[in-house]
Amino acid sequence: MASEDKTVLTPSQVDEELKTLEGWARSEAVLSRNFVFRNFRDLTSFLNHLTRTITEQNHHPDFSLNTGMRMISVALTTHSEKALTRSDLHFARALNVWKPGT
């Protein structure tokens, strides 16, 4: 299990990182992204990727599942710091490596 890097980032640092993080947006101290899938197989594959990432990184985002829209919404923040940290960005990057059909 990886250890979390709870280094707090400034809004400008996060905004700079977001330039290379496809699909993510910042609102105050939260990064969010909606992942929409072509089919239920891809949705469940991504959900497995999400739960593995949670376990591997020991970082626990808020997320919701909407099976009707085939969508998983993910919200990242480091609750203990009440801020965005390097762990949040690392987690977002890990989610972005998932590809359909994997």
Protein backbone atom coordinates (compact mmCIF):
# COMPACT_ATOMS: atom_id res chain seq x y z
CA MET A 1 0.00 0.00 0.00
CA ALA A 2 1.38 3.40 -0.97
CA SER A 3 1.72 6.14 1.59
CA GLU A 4 -0.21 9.31 0.96
CA ASP A 5 1.57 12.55 0.15
CA LYS A 6 -0.57 15.03 2.05
CA THR A 7 1.39 18.05 0.87
CA VAL A 8 -1.27 20.76 0.54
CA LEU A 9 -1.34 22.48 -2.85
CA THR A 10 -2.35 26.05 -3.63
CA PRO A 11 -5.21 26.65 -6.05
CA SER A 12 -2.73 27.89 -8.66
CA GLN A 13 -0.61 24.73 -8.27
CA VAL A 14 -3.71 22.59 -8.77
CA ASP A 15 -4.84 24.64 -11.77
CA GLU A 16 -1.41 24.19 -13.36
CA GLU A 17 -1.60 20.41 -12.85
CA LEU A 18 -5.12 20.34 -14.31
CA LYS A 19 -3.67 21.40 -17.67
CA THR A 20 -2.35 17.84 -17.96
CA LEU A 21 -5.27 16.03 -16.28
CA GLU A 22 -7.91 15.37 -18.89
CA GLY A 23 -11.51 15.59 -17.74
CA TRP A 24 -10.94 16.91 -14.21
CA ALA A 25 -12.16 20.24 -12.83
CA ARG A 26 -11.51 22.08 -9.58
CA SER A 27 -14.14 23.73 -7.42
CA GLU A 28 -12.58 25.16 -4.27
CA ALA A 29 -10.83 22.22 -2.55
CA VAL A 30 -12.38 19.46 -4.65
CA LEU A 31 -11.34 17.85 -7.93
CA SER A 32 -14.18 16.18 -9.78
CA ARG A 33 -14.85 14.20 -12.90
CA ASN A 34 -17.78 12.29 -14.35
CA PHE A 35 -16.80 9.08 -16.10
CA VAL A 36 -19.46 8.04 -18.63
CA PHE A 37 -19.35 4.60 -20.21
CA ARG A 38 -20.61 3.06 -23.45
CA ASN A 39 -21.90 -0.04 -21.73
CA PHE A 40 -22.30 -1.72 -18.36
CA ARG A 41 -19.23 -3.91 -18.93
CA ASP A 42 -16.97 -0.84 -19.16
CA LEU A 43 -18.67 0.71 -16.13
CA THR A 44 -18.00 -2.35 -13.99
CA SER A 45 -14.44 -2.62 -15.30
CA PHE A 46 -13.81 0.99 -14.28
CA LEU A 47 -15.48 0.43 -10.90
CA ASN A 48 -13.02 -2.43 -10.30
CA HIS A 49 -10.15 -0.11 -11.31
CA LEU A 50 -11.47 2.55 -8.91
CA THR A 51 -11.67 0.17 -5.97
CA ARG A 52 -8.18 -1.25 -6.69
CA THR A 53 -6.81 2.28 -6.80
CA ILE A 54 -8.47 3.10 -3.48
CA THR A 55 -6.85 0.04 -1.91
CA GLU A 56 -3.43 0.56 -3.51
CA GLN A 57 -3.18 4.25 -2.64
CA ASN A 58 -5.07 4.15 0.67
CA HIS A 59 -6.90 7.26 -0.50
CA HIS A 60 -10.69 7.39 -0.29
CA PRO A 61 -12.57 9.63 -2.72
CA ASP A 62 -16.25 10.32 -2.65
CA PHE A 63 -17.95 8.67 -5.60
CA SER A 64 -21.43 7.87 -6.82
CA LEU A 65 -22.74 5.35 -9.29
CA ASN A 66 -25.59 6.04 -11.70
CA THR A 67 -26.31 2.84 -13.60
CA GLY A 68 -29.12 4.41 -15.65
CA MET A 69 -26.74 6.97 -17.12
CA ARG A 70 -23.79 4.51 -17.05
CA MET A 71 -21.80 7.10 -15.08
CA ILE A 72 -19.49 7.18 -12.07
CA SER A 73 -18.86 10.59 -10.51
CA VAL A 74 -15.65 10.97 -8.52
CA ALA A 75 -14.82 13.82 -6.12
CA LEU A 76 -11.32 14.07 -4.67
CA THR A 77 -10.16 16.02 -1.66
CA THR A 78 -7.98 15.15 1.31
CA HIS A 79 -10.57 15.25 4.08
CA SER A 80 -8.03 15.33 6.91
CA GLU A 81 -6.40 18.45 5.43
CA LYS A 82 -9.62 20.04 4.16
CA ALA A 83 -7.62 20.79 1.00
CA LEU A 84 -6.29 19.34 -2.21
CA THR A 85 -2.99 17.52 -1.85
CA ARG A 86 -0.51 15.69 -4.04
CA SER A 87 -2.37 12.47 -3.17
CA ASP A 88 -5.50 13.79 -4.88
CA LEU A 89 -3.62 14.54 -8.07
CA HIS A 90 -1.85 11.18 -7.95
CA PHE A 91 -5.21 9.44 -7.54
CA ALA A 92 -6.76 11.37 -10.45
CA ARG A 93 -3.84 10.41 -12.70
CA ALA A 94 -4.23 6.76 -11.70
CA LEU A 95 -7.92 6.80 -12.64
CA ASN A 96 -7.16 8.40 -15.99
CA VAL A 97 -4.99 5.47 -17.12
CA TRP A 98 -8.04 3.16 -17.33
CA LYS A 99 -9.03 2.29 -20.90
CA PRO A 100 -12.33 0.73 -22.09
CA GLY A 101 -12.17 -3.02 -22.51
CA THR A 102 -9.57 -3.53 -19.76
